[in-house]
C-alpha atoms as a PDB file:
ATOM      1  CA  UNK A   1      59.337  51.822 -32.756  1.00  0.00           C
ATOM      2  CA  UNK A   2      60.297  54.297 -35.464  1.00  0.00           C
ATOM      3  CA  UNK A   3      60.500  57.815 -33.978  1.00  0.00           C
ATOM      4  CA  UNK A   4      59.080  59.277 -37.200  1.00  0.00           C
ATOM      5  CA  UNK A   5      56.013  57.013 -36.973  1.00  0.00           C
ATOM      6  CA  UNK A   6      55.461  56.715 -33.237  1.00  0.00           C
ATOM      7  CA  UNK A   7      52.608  54.312 -32.543  1.00  0.00           C
ATOM      8  CA  UNK A   8      50.870  55.385 -35.727  1.00  0.00           C
ATOM      9  CA  UNK A   9      50.674  52.834 -38.548  1.00  0.00           C
ATOM     10  CA  UNK A  10      50.665  55.485 -41.253  1.00  0.00           C
ATOM     11  CA  UNK A  11      53.711  55.821 -43.467  1.00  0.00           C
ATOM     12  CA  UNK A  12      55.531  59.037 -42.681  1.00  0.00           C
ATOM     13  CA  UNK A  13      56.503  60.764 -45.873  1.00  0.00           C
ATOM     14  CA  UNK A  14      56.351  64.256 -47.307  1.00  0.00           C
ATOM     15  CA  UNK A  15      53.684  62.996 -49.756  1.00  0.00           C
ATOM     16  CA  UNK A  16      51.412  61.204 -47.247  1.00  0.00           C
ATOM     17  CA  UNK A  17      47.992  62.730 -46.667  1.00  0.00           C
ATOM     18  CA  UNK A  18      47.337  63.267 -42.948  1.00  0.00           C
ATOM     19  CA  UNK A  19      44.591  61.023 -41.609  1.00  0.00           C
ATOM     20  CA  UNK A  20      44.639  58.547 -44.513  1.00  0.00           C
ATOM     21  CA  UNK A  21      45.762  55.095 -43.451  1.00  0.00           C
ATOM     22  CA  UNK A  22      47.721  53.113 -46.006  1.00  0.00           C
ATOM     23  CA  UNK A  23      49.891  50.111 -45.470  1.00  0.00           C
ATOM     24  CA  UNK A  24      52.253  51.201 -48.211  1.00  0.00           C
ATOM     25  CA  UNK A  25      52.823  54.515 -49.854  1.00  0.00           C
ATOM     26  CA  UNK A  26      52.074  54.015 -53.514  1.00  0.00           C
ATOM     27  CA  UNK A  27      49.572  55.170 -56.050  1.00  0.00           C
ATOM     28  CA  UNK A  28      46.964  52.605 -57.062  1.00  0.00           C
ATOM     29  CA  UNK A  29      45.505  54.630 -59.926  1.00  0.00           C
ATOM     30  CA  UNK A  30      48.412  55.480 -62.178  1.00  0.00           C
ATOM     31  CA  UNK A  31      47.216  53.385 -65.107  1.00  0.00           C
ATOM     32  CA  UNK A  32      43.448  53.796 -65.220  1.00  0.00           C
ATOM     33  CA  UNK A  33      41.732  52.347 -68.310  1.00  0.00           C
ATOM     34  CA  UNK A  34      39.629  55.510 -68.695  1.00  0.00           C
ATOM     35  CA  UNK A  35      39.836  59.265 -68.461  1.00  0.00           C
ATOM     36  CA  UNK A  36      36.268  59.435 -67.146  1.00  0.00           C
ATOM     37  CA  UNK A  37      35.436  60.081 -63.516  1.00  0.00           C
ATOM     38  CA  UNK A  38      34.962  56.976 -61.384  1.00  0.00           C
ATOM     39  CA  UNK A  39      32.493  56.524 -58.527  1.00  0.00           C
ATOM     40  CA  UNK A  40      32.496  54.266 -55.497  1.00  0.00           C
ATOM     41  CA  UNK A  41      29.267  52.969 -53.975  1.00  0.00           C
ATOM     42  CA  UNK A  42      28.679  51.190 -50.695  1.00  0.00           C
ATOM     43  CA  UNK A  43      26.512  48.082 -50.855  1.00  0.00           C
ATOM     44  CA  UNK A  44      23.803  49.026 -48.380  1.00  0.00           C
ATOM     45  CA  UNK A  45      20.649  46.937 -47.991  1.00  0.00           C
ATOM     46  CA  UNK A  46      18.890  49.039 -50.655  1.00  0.00           C
ATOM     47  CA  UNK A  47      21.765  48.630 -53.104  1.00  0.00           C
ATOM     48  CA  UNK A  48      22.013  44.896 -52.373  1.00  0.00           C
ATOM     49  CA  UNK A  49      18.273  44.548 -53.076  1.00  0.00           C
ATOM     50  CA  UNK A  50      18.597  46.533 -56.311  1.00  0.00           C
ATOM     51  CA  UNK A  51      21.507  44.333 -57.408  1.00  0.00           C
ATOM     52  CA  UNK A  52      19.505  41.185 -56.675  1.00  0.00           C
ATOM     53  CA  UNK A  53      16.619  42.431 -58.809  1.00  0.00           C
ATOM     54  CA  UNK A  54      19.116  43.391 -61.513  1.00  0.00           C
ATOM     55  CA  UNK A  55      20.651  39.885 -61.423  1.00  0.00           C
ATOM     56  CA  UNK A  56      17.212  38.394 -62.104  1.00  0.00           C
ATOM     57  CA  UNK A  57      16.580  40.939 -64.863  1.00  0.00           C
ATOM     58  CA  UNK A  58      19.983  40.563 -66.542  1.00  0.00           C
ATOM     59  CA  UNK A  59      21.237  37.068 -65.636  1.00  0.00           C
ATOM     60  CA  UNK A  60      24.087  37.331 -68.145  1.00  0.00           C
ATOM     61  CA  UNK A  61      25.543  40.071 -65.924  1.00  0.00           C
ATOM     62  CA  UNK A  62      24.863  38.297 -62.614  1.00  0.00           C
ATOM     63  CA  UNK A  63      28.564  38.028 -61.715  1.00  0.00           C
ATOM     64  CA  UNK A  64      29.458  41.553 -62.836  1.00  0.00           C
ATOM     65  CA  UNK A  65      28.202  44.015 -60.199  1.00  0.00           C
ATOM     66  CA  UNK A  66      29.730  46.996 -62.022  1.00  0.00           C
ATOM     67  CA  UNK A  67      27.810  46.122 -65.187  1.00  0.00           C
ATOM     68  CA  UNK A  68      24.620  45.605 -63.176  1.00  0.00           C
ATOM     69  CA  UNK A  69      25.022  49.026 -61.559  1.00  0.00           C
ATOM     70  CA  UNK A  70      25.583  50.587 -64.980  1.00  0.00           C
ATOM     71  CA  UNK A  71      22.384  48.962 -66.304  1.00  0.00           C
ATOM     72  CA  UNK A  72      20.433  50.134 -63.260  1.00  0.00           C
ATOM     73  CA  UNK A  73      21.717  53.680 -63.743  1.00  0.00           C
ATOM     74  CA  UNK A  74      20.820  53.687 -67.440  1.00  0.00           C
ATOM     75  CA  UNK A  75      17.325  52.327 -66.787  1.00  0.00           C
ATOM     76  CA  UNK A  76      16.887  54.947 -64.064  1.00  0.00           C
ATOM     77  CA  UNK A  77      18.043  57.667 -66.442  1.00  0.00           C
ATOM     78  CA  UNK A  78      15.609  56.510 -69.120  1.00  0.00           C
ATOM     79  CA  UNK A  79      12.748  56.358 -66.623  1.00  0.00           C
ATOM     80  CA  UNK A  80      13.482  59.861 -65.349  1.00  0.00           C
ATOM     81  CA  UNK A  81      13.783  61.224 -68.895  1.00  0.00           C
ATOM     82  CA  UNK A  82      10.416  59.641 -69.771  1.00  0.00           C
ATOM     83  CA  UNK A  83       8.817  61.076 -66.616  1.00  0.00           C
ATOM     84  CA  UNK A  84      10.191  64.555 -67.346  1.00  0.00           C
ATOM     85  CA  UNK A  85       8.922  64.425 -70.927  1.00  0.00           C
ATOM     86  CA  UNK A  86       5.475  63.262 -69.763  1.00  0.00           C
ATOM     87  CA  UNK A  87       5.309  66.100 -67.209  1.00  0.00           C
ATOM     88  CA  UNK A  88       6.302  68.639 -69.895  1.00  0.00           C
ATOM     89  CA  UNK A  89       3.587  67.292 -72.223  1.00  0.00           C
ATOM     90  CA  UNK A  90       1.026  67.533 -69.418  1.00  0.00           C
ATOM     91  CA  UNK A  91       2.001  71.156 -68.692  1.00  0.00           C
ATOM     92  CA  UNK A  92       1.814  72.030 -72.387  1.00  0.00           C
ATOM     93  CA  UNK A  93      -1.642  70.448 -72.651  1.00  0.00           C
ATOM     94  CA  UNK A  94      -2.807  72.461 -69.617  1.00  0.00           C
ATOM     95  CA  UNK A  95      -1.531  75.674 -71.230  1.00  0.00           C
ATOM     96  CA  UNK A  96      -3.270  74.850 -74.514  1.00  0.00           C
ATOM     97  CA  UNK A  97      -6.511  73.888 -72.722  1.00  0.00           C
ATOM     98  CA  UNK A  98      -6.663  77.180 -70.790  1.00  0.00           C
ATOM     99  CA  UNK A  99      -5.252  79.392 -73.539  1.00  0.00           C
ATOM    100  CA  UNK A 100      -7.636  82.277 -74.184  1.00  0.00           C
ATOM    101  CA  UNK A 101      -9.899  81.373 -71.252  1.00  0.00           C
ATOM    102  CA  UNK A 102      -9.657  84.936 -69.914  1.00  0.00           C
ATOM    103  CA  UNK A 103      -9.874  86.683 -73.288  1.00  0.00           C
ATOM    104  CA  UNK A 104     -12.231  89.640 -73.054  1.00  0.00           C
ATOM    105  CA  UNK A 105     -12.448  89.571 -69.265  1.00  0.00           C
ATOM    106  CA  UNK A 106     -10.366  92.720 -68.996  1.00  0.00           C
ATOM    107  CA  UNK A 107     -11.360  95.732 -71.065  1.00  0.00           C
ATOM    108  CA  UNK A 108      -9.081  97.413 -73.576  1.00  0.00           C
ATOM    109  CA  UNK A 109      -8.230 100.210 -71.115  1.00  0.00           C
ATOM    110  CA  UNK A 110      -7.797  97.943 -68.058  1.00  0.00           C
ATOM    111  CA  UNK A 111      -4.025  98.432 -67.688  1.00  0.00           C
ATOM    112  CA  UNK A 112      -4.270 102.195 -68.281  1.00  0.00           C
ATOM    113  CA  UNK A 113      -6.964 102.511 -65.601  1.00  0.00           C
ATOM    114  CA  UNK A 114      -5.027 100.312 -63.209  1.00  0.00           C
ATOM    115  CA  UNK A 115      -1.876 102.390 -63.624  1.00  0.00           C
ATOM    116  CA  UNK A 116      -3.784 105.600 -62.938  1.00  0.00           C
ATOM    117  CA  UNK A 117      -4.345 104.359 -59.385  1.00  0.00           C
ATOM    118  CA  UNK A 118      -0.604 103.903 -58.786  1.00  0.00           C
ATOM    119  CA  UNK A 119       1.324 106.684 -57.116  1.00  0.00           C
ATOM    120  CA  UNK A 120       4.198 108.021 -59.129  1.00  0.00           C
END
Protein backbone atom coordinates (compact mmCIF):
# COMPACT_ATOMS: atom_id res chain seq x y z
CA UNK A 1 0.00 0.00 0.00
CA UNK A 2 1.37 3.40 -0.99
CA UNK A 3 1.16 5.78 1.99
CA UNK A 4 0.33 8.67 -0.36
CA UNK A 5 -2.65 6.75 -1.79
CA UNK A 6 -3.88 4.77 1.19
CA UNK A 7 -6.73 2.49 0.13
CA UNK A 8 -7.87 5.04 -2.43
CA UNK A 9 -7.44 4.13 -6.10
CA UNK A 10 -7.03 7.73 -7.18
CA UNK A 11 -3.64 8.89 -8.38
CA UNK A 12 -2.11 11.24 -5.85
CA UNK A 13 -0.61 14.21 -7.61
CA UNK A 14 -0.61 17.96 -7.22
CA UNK A 15 -2.72 18.16 -10.42
CA UNK A 16 -5.36 15.54 -9.52
CA UNK A 17 -8.88 16.82 -8.92
CA UNK A 18 -10.25 15.58 -5.58
CA UNK A 19 -13.12 13.14 -5.99
CA UNK A 20 -12.44 12.32 -9.65
CA UNK A 21 -11.41 8.71 -10.16
CA UNK A 22 -8.94 8.05 -12.94
CA UNK A 23 -6.81 5.03 -13.50
CA UNK A 24 -4.01 7.13 -14.92
CA UNK A 25 -3.25 10.79 -14.66
CA UNK A 26 -3.28 12.11 -18.19
CA UNK A 27 -5.29 14.47 -20.29
CA UNK A 28 -7.57 12.84 -22.85
CA UNK A 29 -8.53 16.06 -24.63
CA UNK A 30 -5.28 17.69 -25.64
CA UNK A 31 -5.83 17.29 -29.38
CA UNK A 32 -9.52 17.93 -29.97
CA UNK A 33 -10.57 18.21 -33.63
CA UNK A 34 -12.67 21.30 -32.85
CA UNK A 35 -12.64 24.48 -30.84
CA UNK A 36 -16.40 24.23 -30.28
CA UNK A 37 -17.93 23.14 -27.00
CA UNK A 38 -18.69 19.43 -26.71
CA UNK A 39 -21.63 17.84 -24.91
CA UNK A 40 -22.12 14.43 -23.37
CA UNK A 41 -25.54 12.76 -23.26
CA UNK A 42 -26.67 9.69 -21.38
CA UNK A 43 -28.66 7.15 -23.38
CA UNK A 44 -31.82 6.98 -21.29
CA UNK A 45 -34.92 5.15 -22.52
CA UNK A 46 -36.21 8.35 -24.15
CA UNK A 47 -32.91 8.97 -25.93
CA UNK A 48 -32.68 5.33 -27.01
CA UNK A 49 -36.20 5.57 -28.47
CA UNK A 50 -35.34 8.82 -30.26
CA UNK A 51 -32.20 7.23 -31.72
CA UNK A 52 -34.19 4.23 -32.94
CA UNK A 53 -36.67 6.50 -34.72
CA UNK A 54 -33.74 8.47 -36.14
CA UNK A 55 -32.13 5.24 -37.43
CA UNK A 56 -35.32 4.45 -39.35
CA UNK A 57 -35.51 8.03 -40.65
CA UNK A 58 -31.84 8.29 -41.65
CA UNK A 59 -30.66 4.71 -42.29
CA UNK A 60 -27.39 5.95 -43.81
CA UNK A 61 -26.48 7.23 -40.33
CA UNK A 62 -27.71 4.16 -38.44
CA UNK A 63 -24.24 3.28 -37.12
CA UNK A 64 -23.28 6.86 -36.25
CA UNK A 65 -25.09 7.86 -33.05
CA UNK A 66 -23.35 11.25 -32.93
CA UNK A 67 -24.61 12.08 -36.42
CA UNK A 68 -28.10 10.87 -35.52
CA UNK A 69 -28.13 13.10 -32.44
CA UNK A 70 -26.99 16.05 -34.55
CA UNK A 71 -29.82 15.43 -37.04
CA UNK A 72 -32.35 15.15 -34.22
CA UNK A 73 -31.12 18.42 -32.73
CA UNK A 74 -31.30 20.22 -36.07
CA UNK A 75 -34.81 18.92 -36.79
CA UNK A 76 -35.85 19.97 -33.29
CA UNK A 77 -34.36 23.42 -33.84
CA UNK A 78 -36.20 23.80 -37.14
CA UNK A 79 -39.47 22.66 -35.59
CA UNK A 80 -39.12 25.11 -32.70
CA UNK A 81 -38.20 27.96 -35.06
CA UNK A 82 -41.28 27.17 -37.18
CA UNK A 83 -43.50 27.05 -34.07
CA UNK A 84 -42.13 30.38 -32.81
CA UNK A 85 -42.69 32.02 -36.19
CA UNK A 86 -46.26 30.65 -36.36
CA UNK A 87 -47.00 31.96 -32.85
CA UNK A 88 -45.61 35.40 -33.79
CA UNK A 89 -47.79 35.47 -36.93
CA UNK A 90 -50.84 34.51 -34.86
CA UNK A 91 -50.14 37.31 -32.35
CA UNK A 92 -49.66 39.82 -35.16
CA UNK A 93 -52.95 38.76 -36.76
CA UNK A 94 -54.73 39.18 -33.41
CA UNK A 95 -53.29 42.69 -33.05
CA UNK A 96 -54.34 43.61 -36.59
CA UNK A 97 -57.83 42.11 -36.09
CA UNK A 98 -58.46 44.11 -32.90
CA UNK A 99 -56.63 47.27 -33.97
CA UNK A 100 -58.95 50.25 -33.60
CA UNK A 101 -61.69 48.21 -31.91
CA UNK A 102 -61.83 50.71 -29.03
CA UNK A 103 -61.47 53.85 -31.15
CA UNK A 104 -63.93 56.48 -29.99
CA UNK A 105 -64.86 54.65 -26.79
CA UNK A 106 -62.97 57.18 -24.69
CA UNK A 107 -63.66 60.86 -25.23
CA UNK A 108 -61.01 63.39 -26.19
CA UNK A 109 -60.74 64.64 -22.59
CA UNK A 110 -60.81 61.18 -20.95
CA UNK A 111 -57.20 61.22 -19.71
CA UNK A 112 -57.46 64.83 -18.49
CA UNK A 113 -60.62 64.00 -16.52
CA UNK A 114 -59.09 60.83 -15.14
CA UNK A 115 -56.00 62.67 -13.94
CA UNK A 116 -58.11 65.29 -12.18
CA UNK A 117 -59.29 62.56 -9.81
CA UNK A 118 -55.71 61.65 -8.82
CA UNK A 119 -54.24 63.20 -5.71
CA UNK A 120 -51.08 65.16 -6.29
